[in-house]
Amino acid sequence: MRKVFEKKGQRDMVTVYREFIEEIPVLVIVEAEKYNQPLPVVTYFHGFTSAKEHNLAQAYLLARKGFRVLLPDSMYHGEREVDQTQEELQFKFWDIVLANLDELKTIKTAIDEKGWTKGKRFVVAGTSMGGVTTAAALTQFPWVDGAAVMMGSPKPVEFAEKMLADVRNMGVEMPITAEQVDELMSSLAEIDLSRQMEKLHGRPIFFWHGDADPVVPFEHSYDFYNEAIQHYKNPENIRFLREIGKDHKVTRFAILEMVDWMDHQFNQE
């Protein structure tokens, strides 16, 4: 099953393939004639309560630059949605992030076996929860060559503490015990990039965040950037794009800037 976009006046087409990598539904977006060629790859994770199809705009623009883009559905999202309340899903947020990291390994293994990344770059990106996943991936996988974090937090411990505090302030009964909270924080410390900046190793990373975001604190990524840039010999490899007054929605300007930055960093021979 595929959907085809054709550039006006040109014969090359950007094609969307619906595939499965093990149990993970994935859209593969690539110029049709390059489907079997090794290309720089971007795996782009969607946000909380979103789905893979919602990032087709980013994927199309990246594919036009010569990338192969993979859009997976996260656990409990899109084609993997299950019957549960919003509150039940909310308390699985960090389970989903941790599952994304496991599934990223599965995706990388599968595309390596296909020869899709031979001699090329493997990049991770994502929006909101997907941005949280992206930053965390840099702590776990040295084979991630770079990243784009769109309104995500590189401080999962601090973010989780905020989320729990918000729940308590609403008077909602916590469905997890104090011991489980301690276990969660311990797990998140292992994927907290702000506590392991040495693992950046100068890898290119792009941040975008609106400074009026009421969901994911703007300061998490902005403060991280201001500290992390001191660890970069080449400051062009780390960029922070701030949009004044923008809330929790990625703008077209942000998408275009991210795509151009990706092209410059990862798609130049």
C-alpha atoms as a PDB file:
ATOM      1  CA  MET A   1       0.000   0.000   0.000  1.00  0.00           C
ATOM      2  CA  ARG A   2       1.514   3.346  -0.947  1.00  0.00           C
ATOM      3  CA  LYS A   3       0.720   6.968  -1.569  1.00  0.00           C
ATOM      4  CA  VAL A   4       2.627   8.914  -4.182  1.00  0.00           C
ATOM      5  CA  PHE A   5       3.573  12.584  -4.330  1.00  0.00           C
ATOM      6  CA  GLU A   6       5.043  13.876  -7.592  1.00  0.00           C
ATOM      7  CA  LYS A   7       7.134  16.993  -7.958  1.00  0.00           C
ATOM      8  CA  LYS A   8       5.596  19.289 -10.545  1.00  0.00           C
ATOM      9  CA  GLY A   9       7.512  19.177 -13.777  1.00  0.00           C
ATOM     10  CA  GLN A  10       9.774  16.360 -12.587  1.00  0.00           C
ATOM     11  CA  ARG A  11       9.614  12.603 -12.875  1.00  0.00           C
ATOM     12  CA  ASP A  12      11.032  11.653  -9.464  1.00  0.00           C
ATOM     13  CA  MET A  13       8.448  10.847  -6.800  1.00  0.00           C
ATOM     14  CA  VAL A  14       8.393  10.809  -3.026  1.00  0.00           C
ATOM     15  CA  THR A  15       6.592   7.662  -1.996  1.00  0.00           C
ATOM     16  CA  VAL A  16       5.059   6.565   1.311  1.00  0.00           C
ATOM     17  CA  TYR A  17       5.244   2.833   2.039  1.00  0.00           C
ATOM     18  CA  ARG A  18       3.301   1.277   4.926  1.00  0.00           C
ATOM     19  CA  GLU A  19       5.406  -1.497   6.423  1.00  0.00           C
ATOM     20  CA  PHE A  20       5.987  -3.449   9.643  1.00  0.00           C
ATOM     21  CA  ILE A  21       9.303  -3.871  11.409  1.00  0.00           C
ATOM     22  CA  GLU A  22       8.491  -6.817  13.642  1.00  0.00           C
ATOM     23  CA  GLU A  23       5.324  -5.616  15.439  1.00  0.00           C
ATOM     24  CA  ILE A  24       5.986  -1.906  14.806  1.00  0.00           C
ATOM     25  CA  PRO A  25       3.859  -0.172  12.130  1.00  0.00           C
ATOM     26  CA  VAL A  26       6.156   2.154  10.206  1.00  0.00           C
ATOM     27  CA  LEU A  27       5.744   4.540   7.299  1.00  0.00           C
ATOM     28  CA  VAL A  28       8.816   4.671   5.055  1.00  0.00           C
ATOM     29  CA  ILE A  29       9.059   7.895   3.058  1.00  0.00           C
ATOM     30  CA  VAL A  30      11.644   8.036   0.300  1.00  0.00           C
ATOM     31  CA  GLU A  31      12.102   8.982  -3.317  1.00  0.00           C
ATOM     32  CA  ALA A  32      10.732   5.960  -5.152  1.00  0.00           C
ATOM     33  CA  GLU A  33      13.754   5.323  -7.346  1.00  0.00           C
ATOM     34  CA  LYS A  34      15.998   5.316  -4.255  1.00  0.00           C
ATOM     35  CA  TYR A  35      13.979   2.833  -2.204  1.00  0.00           C
ATOM     36  CA  ASN A  36      16.645   0.107  -2.295  1.00  0.00           C
ATOM     37  CA  GLN A  37      19.644   2.446  -2.169  1.00  0.00           C
ATOM     38  CA  PRO A  38      21.637   3.160   1.006  1.00  0.00           C
ATOM     39  CA  LEU A  39      20.672   6.654   2.162  1.00  0.00           C
ATOM     40  CA  PRO A  40      20.975   8.827   5.245  1.00  0.00           C
ATOM     41  CA  VAL A  41      18.104   7.740   7.500  1.00  0.00           C
ATOM     42  CA  VAL A  42      15.936   9.794   9.853  1.00  0.00           C
ATOM     43  CA  THR A  43      13.743   7.932  12.348  1.00  0.00           C
ATOM     44  CA  TYR A  44      11.144  10.451  13.546  1.00  0.00           C
ATOM     45  CA  PHE A  45       9.079   9.761  16.686  1.00  0.00           C
ATOM     46  CA  HIS A  46       5.665  11.403  17.121  1.00  0.00           C
ATOM     47  CA  GLY A  47       4.300  13.037  20.246  1.00  0.00           C
ATOM     48  CA  PHE A  48       2.002  11.859  23.024  1.00  0.00           C
ATOM     49  CA  THR A  49      -1.541  10.971  21.756  1.00  0.00           C
ATOM     50  CA  SER A  50      -0.344  11.614  18.193  1.00  0.00           C
ATOM     51  CA  ALA A  51       0.522   9.073  15.477  1.00  0.00           C
ATOM     52  CA  LYS A  52       3.044   8.476  12.719  1.00  0.00           C
ATOM     53  CA  GLU A  53       0.905  10.045   9.981  1.00  0.00           C
ATOM     54  CA  HIS A  54       0.944  13.410  11.758  1.00  0.00           C
ATOM     55  CA  ASN A  55       4.601  13.901  10.827  1.00  0.00           C
ATOM     56  CA  LEU A  56       4.269  13.362   7.095  1.00  0.00           C
ATOM     57  CA  ALA A  57       5.021  17.025   6.380  1.00  0.00           C
ATOM     58  CA  GLN A  58       8.465  16.754   7.969  1.00  0.00           C
ATOM     59  CA  ALA A  59       9.039  13.399   6.309  1.00  0.00           C
ATOM     60  CA  TYR A  60       8.121  14.633   2.832  1.00  0.00           C
ATOM     61  CA  LEU A  61      10.440  17.622   3.045  1.00  0.00           C
ATOM     62  CA  LEU A  62      13.291  15.478   4.353  1.00  0.00           C
ATOM     63  CA  ALA A  63      12.739  12.881   1.633  1.00  0.00           C
ATOM     64  CA  ARG A  64      12.991  15.616  -0.998  1.00  0.00           C
ATOM     65  CA  LYS A  65      16.442  16.344   0.400  1.00  0.00           C
ATOM     66  CA  GLY A  66      17.473  12.735  -0.186  1.00  0.00           C
ATOM     67  CA  PHE A  67      16.779  11.159   3.202  1.00  0.00           C
ATOM     68  CA  ARG A  68      14.934   7.942   3.908  1.00  0.00           C
ATOM     69  CA  VAL A  69      12.485   8.765   6.705  1.00  0.00           C
ATOM     70  CA  LEU A  70      10.936   6.200   9.042  1.00  0.00           C
ATOM     71  CA  LEU A  71       7.816   7.149  11.010  1.00  0.00           C
ATOM     72  CA  PRO A  72       6.973   4.481  13.629  1.00  0.00           C
ATOM     73  CA  ASP A  73       3.832   4.294  15.747  1.00  0.00           C
ATOM     74  CA  SER A  74       4.763   4.282  19.426  1.00  0.00           C
ATOM     75  CA  MET A  75       3.232   1.784  21.828  1.00  0.00           C
ATOM     76  CA  TYR A  76      -0.484   2.512  22.483  1.00  0.00           C
ATOM     77  CA  HIS A  77      -0.586   5.021  19.608  1.00  0.00           C
ATOM     78  CA  GLY A  78      -1.874   5.034  16.041  1.00  0.00           C
ATOM     79  CA  GLU A  79      -2.366   1.509  14.761  1.00  0.00           C
ATOM     80  CA  ARG A  80      -1.273   0.231  18.191  1.00  0.00           C
ATOM     81  CA  GLU A  81      -3.950   2.083  20.128  1.00  0.00           C
ATOM     82  CA  VAL A  82      -5.811   0.091  22.782  1.00  0.00           C
ATOM     83  CA  ASP A  83      -9.014   0.720  24.716  1.00  0.00           C
ATOM     84  CA  GLN A  84      -7.980   2.774  27.737  1.00  0.00           C
ATOM     85  CA  THR A  85      -8.761   6.114  29.313  1.00  0.00           C
ATOM     86  CA  GLN A  86      -6.668   9.226  28.815  1.00  0.00           C
ATOM     87  CA  GLU A  87      -5.660   9.053  32.478  1.00  0.00           C
ATOM     88  CA  GLU A  88      -4.501   5.444  32.101  1.00  0.00           C
ATOM     89  CA  LEU A  89      -2.470   6.407  29.047  1.00  0.00           C
ATOM     90  CA  GLN A  90      -0.975   9.422  30.821  1.00  0.00           C
ATOM     91  CA  PHE A  91       0.567   7.228  33.486  1.00  0.00           C
ATOM     92  CA  LYS A  92       2.211   5.110  30.769  1.00  0.00           C
ATOM     93  CA  PHE A  93       4.104   8.071  29.295  1.00  0.00           C
ATOM     94  CA  TRP A  94       7.515   6.949  30.520  1.00  0.00           C
ATOM     95  CA  ASP A  95       6.824   3.303  29.672  1.00  0.00           C
ATOM     96  CA  ILE A  96       6.245   4.484  26.104  1.00  0.00           C
ATOM     97  CA  VAL A  97       9.487   6.487  26.019  1.00  0.00           C
ATOM     98  CA  LEU A  98      11.466   3.484  27.284  1.00  0.00           C
ATOM     99  CA  ALA A  99       9.703   1.227  24.752  1.00  0.00           C
ATOM    100  CA  ASN A 100      10.618   3.704  21.982  1.00  0.00           C
ATOM    101  CA  LEU A 101      14.273   3.253  22.879  1.00  0.00           C
ATOM    102  CA  ASP A 102      14.026  -0.530  22.702  1.00  0.00           C
ATOM    103  CA  GLU A 103      12.179  -0.310  19.406  1.00  0.00           C
ATOM    104  CA  LEU A 104      14.756   2.077  17.985  1.00  0.00           C
ATOM    105  CA  LYS A 105      17.300  -0.742  18.339  1.00  0.00           C
ATOM    106  CA  THR A 106      14.900  -3.052  16.506  1.00  0.00           C
ATOM    107  CA  ILE A 107      14.451  -0.521  13.709  1.00  0.00           C
ATOM    108  CA  LYS A 108      18.197   0.060  13.349  1.00  0.00           C
ATOM    109  CA  THR A 109      18.912  -3.682  13.164  1.00  0.00           C
ATOM    110  CA  ALA A 110      16.202  -4.192  10.532  1.00  0.00           C
ATOM    111  CA  ILE A 111      17.327  -1.409   8.228  1.00  0.00           C
ATOM    112  CA  ASP A 112      20.978  -2.416   8.563  1.00  0.00           C
ATOM    113  CA  GLU A 113      20.000  -5.899   7.407  1.00  0.00           C
ATOM    114  CA  LYS A 114      18.311  -4.307   4.392  1.00  0.00           C
ATOM    115  CA  GLY A 115      21.467  -2.345   3.608  1.00  0.00           C
ATOM    116  CA  TRP A 116      19.568   0.933   3.824  1.00  0.00           C
ATOM    117  CA  THR A 117      22.212   2.757   5.889  1.00  0.00           C
ATOM    118  CA  LYS A 118      25.446   1.261   4.561  1.00  0.00           C
ATOM    119  CA  GLY A 119      28.078   3.981   4.765  1.00  0.00           C
ATOM    120  CA  LYS A 120      25.414   6.571   5.505  1.00  0.00           C
ATOM    121  CA  ARG A 121      24.061   8.427   8.517  1.00  0.00           C
ATOM    122  CA  PHE A 122      21.447   7.333  11.068  1.00  0.00           C
ATOM    123  CA  VAL A 123      19.651  10.275  12.683  1.00  0.00           C
ATOM    124  CA  VAL A 124      16.890  10.371  15.299  1.00  0.00           C
ATOM    125  CA  ALA A 125      14.310  13.136  15.667  1.00  0.00           C
ATOM    126  CA  GLY A 126      10.970  13.680  17.304  1.00  0.00           C
ATOM    127  CA  THR A 127       8.249  15.973  18.549  1.00  0.00           C
ATOM    128  CA  SER A 128       7.382  16.431  22.244  1.00  0.00           C
ATOM    129  CA  MET A 129       7.381  12.857  23.644  1.00  0.00           C
ATOM    130  CA  GLY A 130       9.322  11.967  20.509  1.00  0.00           C
ATOM    131  CA  GLY A 131      11.796  14.712  21.357  1.00  0.00           C
ATOM    132  CA  VAL A 132      12.180  13.279  24.858  1.00  0.00           C
ATOM    133  CA  THR A 133      12.907   9.910  23.230  1.00  0.00           C
ATOM    134  CA  THR A 134      15.409  11.511  20.860  1.00  0.00           C
ATOM    135  CA  ALA A 135      17.473  13.160  23.586  1.00  0.00           C
ATOM    136  CA  ALA A 136      17.422   9.943  25.620  1.00  0.00           C
ATOM    137  CA  ALA A 137      18.643   7.938  22.620  1.00  0.00           C
ATOM    138  CA  LEU A 138      21.897   9.910  22.638  1.00  0.00           C
ATOM    139  CA  THR A 139      22.685   8.461  26.073  1.00  0.00           C
ATOM    140  CA  GLN A 140      22.212   4.868  24.935  1.00  0.00           C
ATOM    141  CA  PHE A 141      23.306   4.454  21.341  1.00  0.00           C
ATOM    142  CA  PRO A 142      26.666   5.617  19.961  1.00  0.00           C
ATOM    143  CA  TRP A 143      25.454   4.665  16.478  1.00  0.00           C
ATOM    144  CA  VAL A 144      22.995   7.592  16.520  1.00  0.00           C
ATOM    145  CA  ASP A 145      24.892  10.134  14.426  1.00  0.00           C
ATOM    146  CA  GLY A 146      22.799  13.150  15.383  1.00  0.00           C
ATOM    147  CA  ALA A 147      19.412  14.367  16.490  1.00  0.00           C
ATOM    148  CA  ALA A 148      16.655  16.954  16.229  1.00  0.00           C
ATOM    149  CA  VAL A 149      14.604  17.642  19.346  1.00  0.00           C
ATOM    150  CA  MET A 150      11.374  19.507  18.612  1.00  0.00           C
ATOM    151  CA  MET A 151       9.916  20.872  21.887  1.00  0.00           C
ATOM    152  CA  GLY A 152      11.213  17.896  23.860  1.00  0.00           C
ATOM    153  CA  SER A 153      13.068  17.740  27.155  1.00  0.00           C
ATOM    154  CA  PRO A 154      16.632  16.441  27.598  1.00  0.00           C
ATOM    155  CA  LYS A 155      15.915  16.381  31.350  1.00  0.00           C
ATOM    156  CA  PRO A 156      13.563  13.406  31.889  1.00  0.00           C
ATOM    157  CA  VAL A 157      14.094  13.209  35.651  1.00  0.00           C
ATOM    158  CA  GLU A 158      13.153  16.856  36.121  1.00  0.00           C
ATOM    159  CA  PHE A 159      10.292  16.523  33.634  1.00  0.00           C
ATOM    160  CA  ALA A 160       8.904  13.450  35.399  1.00  0.00           C
ATOM    161  CA  GLU A 161       9.079  15.250  38.739  1.00  0.00           C
ATOM    162  CA  LYS A 162       7.087  18.122  37.231  1.00  0.00           C
ATOM    163  CA  MET A 163       4.491  15.747  35.785  1.00  0.00           C
ATOM    164  CA  LEU A 164       4.035  14.001  39.132  1.00  0.00           C
ATOM    165  CA  ALA A 165       3.761  17.326  40.943  1.00  0.00           C
ATOM    166  CA  ASP A 166       1.093  18.466  38.475  1.00  0.00           C
ATOM    167  CA  VAL A 167      -0.917  15.290  39.138  1.00  0.00           C
ATOM    168  CA  ARG A 168      -0.683  15.755  42.908  1.00  0.00           C
ATOM    169  CA  ASN A 169      -1.756  19.397  42.596  1.00  0.00           C
ATOM    170  CA  MET A 170      -4.864  18.296  40.702  1.00  0.00           C
ATOM    171  CA  GLY A 171      -5.800  15.993  43.574  1.00  0.00           C
ATOM    172  CA  VAL A 172      -5.668  12.904  41.371  1.00  0.00           C
ATOM    173  CA  GLU A 173      -4.934   9.655  43.190  1.00  0.00           C
ATOM    174  CA  MET A 174      -1.548   8.299  42.198  1.00  0.00           C
ATOM    175  CA  PRO A 175      -1.815   4.814  40.661  1.00  0.00           C
ATOM    176  CA  ILE A 176       1.809   4.035  41.529  1.00  0.00           C
ATOM    177  CA  THR A 177       3.529   3.560  44.882  1.00  0.00           C
ATOM    178  CA  ALA A 178       6.412   5.575  46.300  1.00  0.00           C
ATOM    179  CA  GLU A 179       8.692   2.603  45.611  1.00  0.00           C
ATOM    180  CA  GLN A 180       7.589   2.551  41.972  1.00  0.00           C
ATOM    181  CA  VAL A 181       8.281   6.275  41.696  1.00  0.00           C
ATOM    182  CA  ASP A 182      11.807   5.679  43.011  1.00  0.00           C
ATOM    183  CA  GLU A 183      12.307   2.894  40.466  1.00  0.00           C
ATOM    184  CA  LEU A 184      11.049   5.173  37.693  1.00  0.00           C
ATOM    185  CA  MET A 185      13.404   7.978  38.651  1.00  0.00           C
ATOM    186  CA  SER A 186      16.300   5.541  38.740  1.00  0.00           C
ATOM    187  CA  SER A 187      15.445   4.339  35.228  1.00  0.00           C
ATOM    188  CA  LEU A 188      15.103   7.894  33.938  1.00  0.00           C
ATOM    189  CA  ALA A 189      18.450   8.920  35.428  1.00  0.00           C
ATOM    190  CA  GLU A 190      20.066   6.362  33.118  1.00  0.00           C
ATOM    191  CA  ILE A 191      18.616   8.108  30.044  1.00  0.00           C
ATOM    192  CA  ASP A 192      18.942  11.692  31.289  1.00  0.00           C
ATOM    193  CA  LEU A 193      21.158  13.480  28.775  1.00  0.00           C
ATOM    194  CA  SER A 194      21.538  16.532  31.013  1.00  0.00           C
ATOM    195  CA  ARG A 195      23.346  14.298  33.514  1.00  0.00           C
ATOM    196  CA  GLN A 196      25.550  12.658  30.858  1.00  0.00           C
ATOM    197  CA  MET A 197      26.677  15.441  28.566  1.00  0.00           C
ATOM    198  CA  GLU A 198      29.923  13.613  27.910  1.00  0.00           C
ATOM    199  CA  LYS A 199      27.885  11.197  25.798  1.00  0.00           C
ATOM    200  CA  LEU A 200      27.138  13.898  23.254  1.00  0.00           C
ATOM    201  CA  HIS A 201      30.641  13.376  21.784  1.00  0.00           C
ATOM    202  CA  GLY A 202      30.164  16.445  19.597  1.00  0.00           C
ATOM    203  CA  ARG A 203      27.296  14.846  17.685  1.00  0.00           C
ATOM    204  CA  PRO A 204      25.133  17.348  15.807  1.00  0.00           C
ATOM    205  CA  ILE A 205      21.930  18.220  17.642  1.00  0.00           C
ATOM    206  CA  PHE A 206      19.148  20.686  16.812  1.00  0.00           C
ATOM    207  CA  PHE A 207      16.628  22.060  19.284  1.00  0.00           C
ATOM    208  CA  TRP A 208      13.431  23.969  18.571  1.00  0.00           C
ATOM    209  CA  HIS A 209      11.128  25.213  21.310  1.00  0.00           C
ATOM    210  CA  GLY A 210       8.451  27.857  21.648  1.00  0.00           C
ATOM    211  CA  ASP A 211       9.076  29.893  24.789  1.00  0.00           C
ATOM    212  CA  ALA A 212       5.364  29.931  25.708  1.00  0.00           C
ATOM    213  CA  ASP A 213       5.060  26.124  25.790  1.00  0.00           C
ATOM    214  CA  PRO A 214       2.693  25.170  28.664  1.00  0.00           C
ATOM    215  CA  VAL A 215       3.359  21.419  28.372  1.00  0.00           C
ATOM    216  CA  VAL A 216       7.105  20.783  28.091  1.00  0.00           C
ATOM    217  CA  PRO A 217       9.120  23.460  29.918  1.00  0.00           C
ATOM    218  CA  PHE A 218      11.045  25.655  27.490  1.00  0.00           C
ATOM    219  CA  GLU A 219      13.821  26.075  30.062  1.00  0.00           C
ATOM    220  CA  HIS A 220      14.679  22.367  29.985  1.00  0.00           C
ATOM    221  CA  SER A 221      16.051  22.459  26.459  1.00  0.00           C
ATOM    222  CA  TYR A 222      17.224  26.082  26.544  1.00  0.00           C
ATOM    223  CA  ASP A 223      19.258  25.715  29.736  1.00  0.00           C
ATOM    224  CA  PHE A 224      20.639  22.408  28.487  1.00  0.00           C
ATOM    225  CA  TYR A 225      21.761  24.016  25.230  1.00  0.00           C
ATOM    226  CA  ASN A 226      23.535  26.865  26.995  1.00  0.00           C
ATOM    227  CA  GLU A 227      25.517  24.371  29.039  1.00  0.00           C
ATOM    228  CA  ALA A 228      26.054  21.794  26.289  1.00  0.00           C
ATOM    229  CA  ILE A 229      27.466  24.243  23.725  1.00  0.00           C
ATOM    230  CA  GLN A 230      30.498  24.645  25.969  1.00  0.00           C
ATOM    231  CA  HIS A 231      31.305  20.973  25.282  1.00  0.00           C
ATOM    232  CA  TYR A 232      31.406  21.483  21.495  1.00  0.00           C
ATOM    233  CA  LYS A 233      34.616  22.248  19.639  1.00  0.00           C
ATOM    234  CA  ASN A 234      32.460  23.163  16.644  1.00  0.00           C
ATOM    235  CA  PRO A 235      29.501  25.229  17.921  1.00  0.00           C
ATOM    236  CA  GLU A 236      27.802  24.897  14.525  1.00  0.00           C
ATOM    237  CA  ASN A 237      27.055  21.290  15.445  1.00  0.00           C
ATOM    238  CA  ILE A 238      24.571  22.363  18.104  1.00  0.00           C
ATOM    239  CA  ARG A 239      21.768  24.807  17.375  1.00  0.00           C
ATOM    240  CA  PHE A 240      18.874  26.147  19.405  1.00  0.00           C
ATOM    241  CA  LEU A 241      15.967  27.791  17.597  1.00  0.00           C
ATOM    242  CA  ARG A 242      13.713  29.775  19.934  1.00  0.00           C
ATOM    243  CA  GLU A 243      10.339  31.075  18.802  1.00  0.00           C
ATOM    244  CA  ILE A 244       8.935  33.830  20.954  1.00  0.00           C
ATOM    245  CA  GLY A 245       5.336  33.409  22.045  1.00  0.00           C
ATOM    246  CA  LYS A 246       4.845  29.983  20.449  1.00  0.00           C
ATOM    247  CA  ASP A 247       3.131  27.257  22.463  1.00  0.00           C
ATOM    248  CA  HIS A 248       3.093  23.460  22.227  1.00  0.00           C
ATOM    249  CA  LYS A 249       2.791  23.176  18.465  1.00  0.00           C
ATOM    250  CA  VAL A 250       5.608  22.882  15.954  1.00  0.00           C
ATOM    251  CA  THR A 251       5.465  25.725  13.451  1.00  0.00           C
ATOM    252  CA  ARG A 252       6.094  25.546   9.718  1.00  0.00           C
ATOM    253  CA  PHE A 253       9.097  27.809  10.223  1.00  0.00           C
ATOM    254  CA  ALA A 254      10.512  25.308  12.722  1.00  0.00           C
ATOM    255  CA  ILE A 255      10.013  22.408  10.324  1.00  0.00           C
ATOM    256  CA  LEU A 256      11.714  24.202   7.434  1.00  0.00           C
ATOM    257  CA  GLU A 257      14.666  25.245   9.596  1.00  0.00           C
ATOM    258  CA  MET A 258      15.044  21.716  10.951  1.00  0.00           C
ATOM    259  CA  VAL A 259      14.991  20.221   7.451  1.00  0.00           C
ATOM    260  CA  ASP A 260      17.606  22.673   6.151  1.00  0.00           C
ATOM    261  CA  TRP A 261      19.819  21.997   9.179  1.00  0.00           C
ATOM    262  CA  MET A 262      19.481  18.231   8.678  1.00  0.00           C
ATOM    263  CA  ASP A 263      20.400  18.596   5.030  1.00  0.00           C
ATOM    264  CA  HIS A 264      23.507  20.612   5.872  1.00  0.00           C
ATOM    265  CA  GLN A 265      24.659  18.312   8.667  1.00  0.00           C
ATOM    266  CA  PHE A 266      23.892  14.822   7.393  1.00  0.00           C
ATOM    267  CA  ASN A 267      23.241  14.867   3.670  1.00  0.00           C
ATOM    268  CA  GLN A 268      26.439  16.357   2.321  1.00  0.00           C
ATOM    269  CA  GLU A 269      28.982  14.029   0.733  1.00  0.00           C
END
